[in-house]
Amino acid sequence: MEHLYAPWRMAYIGKDSPSGDECIFCSFPKKNDDERYLILWRGKSVFALMNAFPYNNGHLMVTPYRHVADFGLLEKGELLELMLGAQQAHAALKKIFSPDGFNMGINLGRSAGAGIDKHLHLHIVPRWEGDTNFMTTIAQARVLPEELSVTYHKIRSAWPSPE
């Protein structure tokens, strides 16, 4: 059996993580350590952070600060800022990575694929032609070309200012 080693992952695994049922989308922004918790941008009612277990390089999420799971319960300001944050994320990712396309979406409920189903979050995933290869299909593993911290700094520096 072949083994893949990714020692840089220990930097993330060793981080303080919420215990039990604590929600990362509620606890991370309260830590006031954006780099450590991969928070890219803070708005008035929503924020953006990188996915620590990304599908592709640059995979990030935009989520409300308020602990809410039901899309229908988002307030008008949260809904607007969620979409504006997604638009800013899209612009930053296009500028840095020039992907061939994007997957953007919200998984509502565990049966819809939500890993964290109690706090709504919108995924933004850059995609490239051929980005799914034998590692994904056979080994069920992703190979990312860059460390999370490097990607974090690139995205954060390219994040557009709100107009």
Protein backbone atom coordinates (compact mmCIF):
# COMPACT_ATOMS: atom_id res chain seq x y z
CA MET A 1 0.00 0.00 0.00
CA GLU A 2 1.24 3.47 -0.90
CA HIS A 3 1.21 6.24 1.72
CA LEU A 4 0.86 9.94 1.13
CA TYR A 5 2.58 12.24 3.57
CA ALA A 6 1.49 15.82 4.07
CA PRO A 7 3.41 17.07 7.10
CA TRP A 8 2.28 20.67 6.56
CA ARG A 9 -1.22 19.55 7.63
CA MET A 10 -0.02 19.24 11.25
CA ALA A 11 -0.08 23.02 11.48
CA TYR A 12 -3.85 22.89 11.04
CA ILE A 13 -4.53 19.70 12.96
CA GLY A 14 -2.63 21.06 15.95
CA LYS A 15 -4.73 24.24 16.12
CA ASP A 16 -7.24 24.77 18.85
CA SER A 17 -10.54 23.45 17.60
CA PRO A 18 -13.99 23.83 19.05
CA SER A 19 -15.08 20.98 21.25
CA GLY A 20 -18.26 18.99 21.09
CA ASP A 21 -21.16 20.78 19.50
CA GLU A 22 -19.49 24.20 19.34
CA CYS A 23 -19.92 25.79 15.91
CA ILE A 24 -16.73 26.88 14.12
CA PHE A 25 -18.65 29.59 12.25
CA CYS A 26 -19.66 31.09 15.61
CA SER A 27 -16.43 30.53 17.54
CA PHE A 28 -13.73 31.35 14.96
CA PRO A 29 -14.63 35.04 14.42
CA LYS A 30 -14.70 35.60 18.19
CA LYS A 31 -11.05 34.51 18.48
CA ASN A 32 -9.78 37.71 16.80
CA ASP A 33 -6.96 35.78 15.13
CA ASP A 34 -7.97 35.89 11.49
CA GLU A 35 -4.85 34.30 10.06
CA ARG A 36 -4.92 31.35 12.45
CA TYR A 37 -8.59 30.66 11.74
CA LEU A 38 -8.26 31.42 8.00
CA ILE A 39 -10.70 34.35 8.07
CA LEU A 40 -10.21 36.30 4.86
CA TRP A 41 -12.69 39.14 5.21
CA ARG A 42 -15.16 40.51 7.77
CA GLY A 43 -18.31 42.31 6.79
CA LYS A 44 -21.01 43.78 8.98
CA SER A 45 -23.18 40.64 9.13
CA VAL A 46 -21.16 37.97 7.28
CA PHE A 47 -17.53 36.93 6.90
CA ALA A 48 -15.43 34.77 4.58
CA LEU A 49 -12.97 32.08 5.53
CA MET A 50 -11.00 29.40 3.77
CA ASN A 51 -12.11 25.81 3.95
CA ALA A 52 -9.43 24.02 6.00
CA PHE A 53 -10.25 20.81 4.11
CA PRO A 54 -10.58 22.24 0.60
CA TYR A 55 -11.97 20.48 -2.43
CA ASN A 56 -9.62 22.57 -4.58
CA ASN A 57 -7.02 25.25 -4.03
CA GLY A 58 -8.82 28.47 -3.07
CA HIS A 59 -11.98 26.78 -1.73
CA LEU A 60 -13.58 29.25 0.64
CA MET A 61 -16.89 29.95 2.35
CA VAL A 62 -18.99 33.01 3.10
CA THR A 63 -21.24 32.73 6.16
CA PRO A 64 -23.32 34.91 8.47
CA TYR A 65 -22.04 35.63 11.96
CA ARG A 66 -25.50 34.77 13.25
CA HIS A 67 -26.05 31.08 13.96
CA VAL A 68 -28.75 30.25 11.42
CA ALA A 69 -29.30 27.11 9.34
CA ASP A 70 -32.50 27.94 7.44
CA PHE A 71 -31.99 29.98 4.26
CA GLY A 72 -35.48 31.41 4.68
CA LEU A 73 -34.53 32.92 8.04
CA LEU A 74 -31.72 35.10 6.69
CA GLU A 75 -32.46 38.77 7.20
CA LYS A 76 -32.43 41.00 4.12
CA GLY A 77 -29.11 42.62 5.10
CA GLU A 78 -27.48 39.23 5.71
CA LEU A 79 -28.72 37.90 2.40
CA LEU A 80 -27.45 40.92 0.49
CA GLU A 81 -24.06 40.90 2.22
CA LEU A 82 -23.74 37.12 1.72
CA MET A 83 -24.09 37.61 -2.03
CA LEU A 84 -21.84 40.69 -2.08
CA GLY A 85 -19.21 38.75 -0.11
CA ALA A 86 -19.50 35.88 -2.59
CA GLN A 87 -19.05 38.35 -5.43
CA GLN A 88 -15.90 39.75 -3.80
CA ALA A 89 -14.55 36.23 -3.21
CA HIS A 90 -15.24 35.37 -6.86
CA ALA A 91 -13.34 38.47 -8.01
CA ALA A 92 -10.34 37.71 -5.76
CA LEU A 93 -10.16 34.07 -6.85
CA LYS A 94 -10.44 35.02 -10.55
CA LYS A 95 -7.64 37.56 -10.15
CA ILE A 96 -5.26 35.16 -8.39
CA PHE A 97 -5.93 31.77 -9.95
CA SER A 98 -7.71 32.41 -13.29
CA PRO A 99 -9.81 29.25 -12.91
CA ASP A 100 -11.80 27.81 -15.81
CA GLY A 101 -14.99 27.94 -13.74
CA PHE A 102 -16.51 27.87 -10.26
CA ASN A 103 -18.83 25.79 -8.16
CA MET A 104 -20.85 27.98 -5.80
CA GLY A 105 -23.52 26.69 -3.51
CA ILE A 106 -25.13 26.15 -0.14
CA ASN A 107 -25.76 22.64 1.16
CA LEU A 108 -28.87 22.92 3.32
CA GLY A 109 -29.11 19.95 5.68
CA ARG A 110 -26.95 16.90 6.25
CA SER A 111 -28.74 14.91 3.53
CA ALA A 112 -27.80 17.67 1.06
CA GLY A 113 -24.13 17.28 1.90
CA ALA A 114 -23.66 19.86 4.65
CA GLY A 115 -20.76 18.86 6.90
CA ILE A 116 -21.85 21.58 9.32
CA ASP A 117 -25.60 21.67 8.95
CA LYS A 118 -26.55 23.97 11.83
CA HIS A 119 -24.91 27.11 10.37
CA LEU A 120 -25.54 28.11 6.77
CA HIS A 121 -22.45 28.77 4.64
CA LEU A 122 -21.92 29.36 0.94
CA HIS A 123 -19.06 27.43 -0.70
CA ILE A 124 -17.03 28.97 -3.51
CA VAL A 125 -14.76 26.48 -5.25
CA PRO A 126 -12.49 27.41 -8.18
CA ARG A 127 -12.42 24.71 -10.87
CA TRP A 128 -10.01 23.87 -13.68
CA GLU A 129 -10.33 21.53 -16.64
CA GLY A 130 -9.03 18.14 -15.51
CA ASP A 131 -8.83 19.05 -11.81
CA THR A 132 -10.32 15.67 -10.90
CA ASN A 133 -7.71 13.01 -11.47
CA PHE A 134 -6.84 9.48 -10.41
CA MET A 135 -5.98 10.61 -6.87
CA THR A 136 -9.57 11.71 -6.33
CA THR A 137 -11.22 8.74 -7.99
CA ILE A 138 -8.94 5.92 -6.86
CA ALA A 139 -7.26 7.09 -3.67
CA GLN A 140 -10.11 9.36 -2.51
CA ALA A 141 -7.52 12.04 -1.77
CA ARG A 142 -6.99 15.57 -3.02
CA VAL A 143 -3.63 16.96 -4.04
CA LEU A 144 -3.35 20.70 -3.57
CA PRO A 145 -0.50 22.59 -5.20
CA GLU A 146 0.01 25.06 -2.37
CA GLU A 147 -0.03 25.26 1.43
CA LEU A 148 -3.15 26.76 2.99
CA SER A 149 -1.20 29.64 4.54
CA VAL A 150 0.24 30.68 1.17
CA THR A 151 -3.18 30.56 -0.48
CA TYR A 152 -4.68 32.48 2.45
CA HIS A 153 -2.26 35.39 2.02
CA LYS A 154 -2.79 35.51 -1.73
CA ILE A 155 -6.58 35.63 -1.43
CA ARG A 156 -6.57 38.11 1.44
CA SER A 157 -4.27 40.50 -0.43
CA ALA A 158 -6.43 40.29 -3.57
CA TRP A 159 -9.77 40.76 -1.75
CA PRO A 160 -11.50 43.76 -3.35
CA SER A 161 -12.61 46.71 -1.25
CA PRO A 162 -16.37 47.03 -0.98
CA GLU A 163 -17.73 49.86 -3.11
